[in-house]
Amino acid sequence: MGVMSKQEEITYTAAFEELKEIVDQLENDNISVDELTEKMKRATVLMKICRDKLTKTEEEVNKTIAELS
C-alpha cells in the first residue's frame, strides 16, 4: 500500500498489524535505505489512523457513559 494524502478507510486492527510489520522490518534490518523513507511515511499515516480511531472510540464511549448517568 502506498502513502495516501487523506486518511484512508482501514480498520484499526489492519492499520496496527501493518504498523507492527514495519516495526519488525526495521528491527530486523529488513528494509533497505531506499525503502526507509517510504516505510517511515507509511508508518506515520498508520499511527495517525490508529490515534484517530482510538480518540473517536474514546469519545463515543464517554458519550454513552454520560447518557447512562
C-alpha atoms as a PDB file:
ATOM      1  CA  MET A   1       0.000   0.000   0.000  1.00  0.00           C
ATOM      2  CA  GLY A   2       1.278   3.451  -0.786  1.00  0.00           C
ATOM      3  CA  VAL A   3       1.084   6.544   1.332  1.00  0.00           C
ATOM      4  CA  MET A   4      -2.253   8.305   0.855  1.00  0.00           C
ATOM      5  CA  SER A   5      -2.773  12.047   1.120  1.00  0.00           C
ATOM      6  CA  LYS A   6      -6.026  11.773   3.067  1.00  0.00           C
ATOM      7  CA  GLN A   7      -6.997   9.297   5.749  1.00  0.00           C
ATOM      8  CA  GLU A   8      -7.917   6.084   4.027  1.00  0.00           C
ATOM      9  CA  GLU A   9     -10.581   3.630   5.076  1.00  0.00           C
ATOM     10  CA  ILE A  10      -8.792   0.938   7.039  1.00  0.00           C
ATOM     11  CA  THR A  11      -9.694  -0.754  10.280  1.00  0.00           C
ATOM     12  CA  TYR A  12      -7.733  -0.094  13.434  1.00  0.00           C
ATOM     13  CA  THR A  13      -6.659  -3.727  13.528  1.00  0.00           C
ATOM     14  CA  ALA A  14      -5.396  -3.682   9.931  1.00  0.00           C
ATOM     15  CA  ALA A  15      -3.512  -0.414  10.481  1.00  0.00           C
ATOM     16  CA  PHE A  16      -1.965  -1.711  13.705  1.00  0.00           C
ATOM     17  CA  GLU A  17      -0.920  -5.002  12.098  1.00  0.00           C
ATOM     18  CA  GLU A  18       0.704  -3.204   9.165  1.00  0.00           C
ATOM     19  CA  LEU A  19       2.471  -0.885  11.581  1.00  0.00           C
ATOM     20  CA  LYS A  20       3.792  -3.879  13.533  1.00  0.00           C
ATOM     21  CA  GLU A  21       5.126  -5.375  10.285  1.00  0.00           C
ATOM     22  CA  ILE A  22       7.016  -2.165   9.522  1.00  0.00           C
ATOM     23  CA  VAL A  23       8.472  -2.096  13.041  1.00  0.00           C
ATOM     24  CA  ASP A  24       9.542  -5.739  12.703  1.00  0.00           C
ATOM     25  CA  GLN A  25      11.235  -4.952   9.390  1.00  0.00           C
ATOM     26  CA  LEU A  26      13.061  -2.020  10.968  1.00  0.00           C
ATOM     27  CA  GLU A  27      14.146  -4.056  13.988  1.00  0.00           C
ATOM     28  CA  ASN A  28      15.393  -6.903  11.806  1.00  0.00           C
ATOM     29  CA  ASP A  29      17.158  -4.642   9.293  1.00  0.00           C
ATOM     30  CA  ASN A  30      14.871  -5.955   6.533  1.00  0.00           C
ATOM     31  CA  ILE A  31      14.417  -2.516   4.964  1.00  0.00           C
ATOM     32  CA  SER A  32      16.883  -1.047   2.533  1.00  0.00           C
ATOM     33  CA  VAL A  33      17.947   2.566   2.787  1.00  0.00           C
ATOM     34  CA  ASP A  34      15.942   3.170  -0.394  1.00  0.00           C
ATOM     35  CA  GLU A  35      12.736   1.878   1.252  1.00  0.00           C
ATOM     36  CA  LEU A  36      13.266   3.544   4.610  1.00  0.00           C
ATOM     37  CA  THR A  37      11.686   6.908   3.766  1.00  0.00           C
ATOM     38  CA  GLU A  38       8.562   5.331   2.262  1.00  0.00           C
ATOM     39  CA  LYS A  39       8.166   2.942   5.199  1.00  0.00           C
ATOM     40  CA  MET A  40       8.511   5.807   7.667  1.00  0.00           C
ATOM     41  CA  LYS A  41       5.915   7.878   5.775  1.00  0.00           C
ATOM     42  CA  ARG A  42       3.548   4.907   5.770  1.00  0.00           C
ATOM     43  CA  ALA A  43       4.146   4.296   9.480  1.00  0.00           C
ATOM     44  CA  THR A  44       3.273   7.935  10.175  1.00  0.00           C
ATOM     45  CA  VAL A  45      -0.019   7.573   8.267  1.00  0.00           C
ATOM     46  CA  LEU A  46      -0.823   4.349  10.125  1.00  0.00           C
ATOM     47  CA  MET A  47      -0.073   5.900  13.525  1.00  0.00           C
ATOM     48  CA  LYS A  48      -2.402   8.806  12.728  1.00  0.00           C
ATOM     49  CA  ILE A  49      -5.157   6.395  11.675  1.00  0.00           C
ATOM     50  CA  CYS A  50      -4.768   4.408  14.907  1.00  0.00           C
ATOM     51  CA  ARG A  51      -4.684   7.538  17.073  1.00  0.00           C
ATOM     52  CA  ASP A  52      -7.759   9.000  15.354  1.00  0.00           C
ATOM     53  CA  LYS A  53      -9.728   5.776  15.706  1.00  0.00           C
ATOM     54  CA  LEU A  54      -8.800   5.461  19.391  1.00  0.00           C
ATOM     55  CA  THR A  55      -9.789   9.080  20.029  1.00  0.00           C
ATOM     56  CA  LYS A  56     -13.123   8.599  18.250  1.00  0.00           C
ATOM     57  CA  THR A  57     -13.813   5.410  20.202  1.00  0.00           C
ATOM     58  CA  GLU A  58     -12.973   7.117  23.496  1.00  0.00           C
ATOM     59  CA  GLU A  59     -15.348   9.979  22.663  1.00  0.00           C
ATOM     60  CA  GLU A  60     -18.151   7.537  21.793  1.00  0.00           C
ATOM     61  CA  VAL A  61     -17.614   5.545  25.000  1.00  0.00           C
ATOM     62  CA  ASN A  62     -17.623   8.726  27.089  1.00  0.00           C
ATOM     63  CA  LYS A  63     -20.808   9.906  25.353  1.00  0.00           C
ATOM     64  CA  THR A  64     -22.504   6.562  26.021  1.00  0.00           C
ATOM     65  CA  ILE A  65     -21.430   6.612  29.678  1.00  0.00           C
ATOM     66  CA  ALA A  66     -22.721  10.184  30.046  1.00  0.00           C
ATOM     67  CA  GLU A  67     -26.070   9.178  28.546  1.00  0.00           C
ATOM     68  CA  LEU A  68     -26.365   6.373  31.096  1.00  0.00           C
ATOM     69  CA  SER A  69     -25.715   8.694  34.034  1.00  0.00           C
END
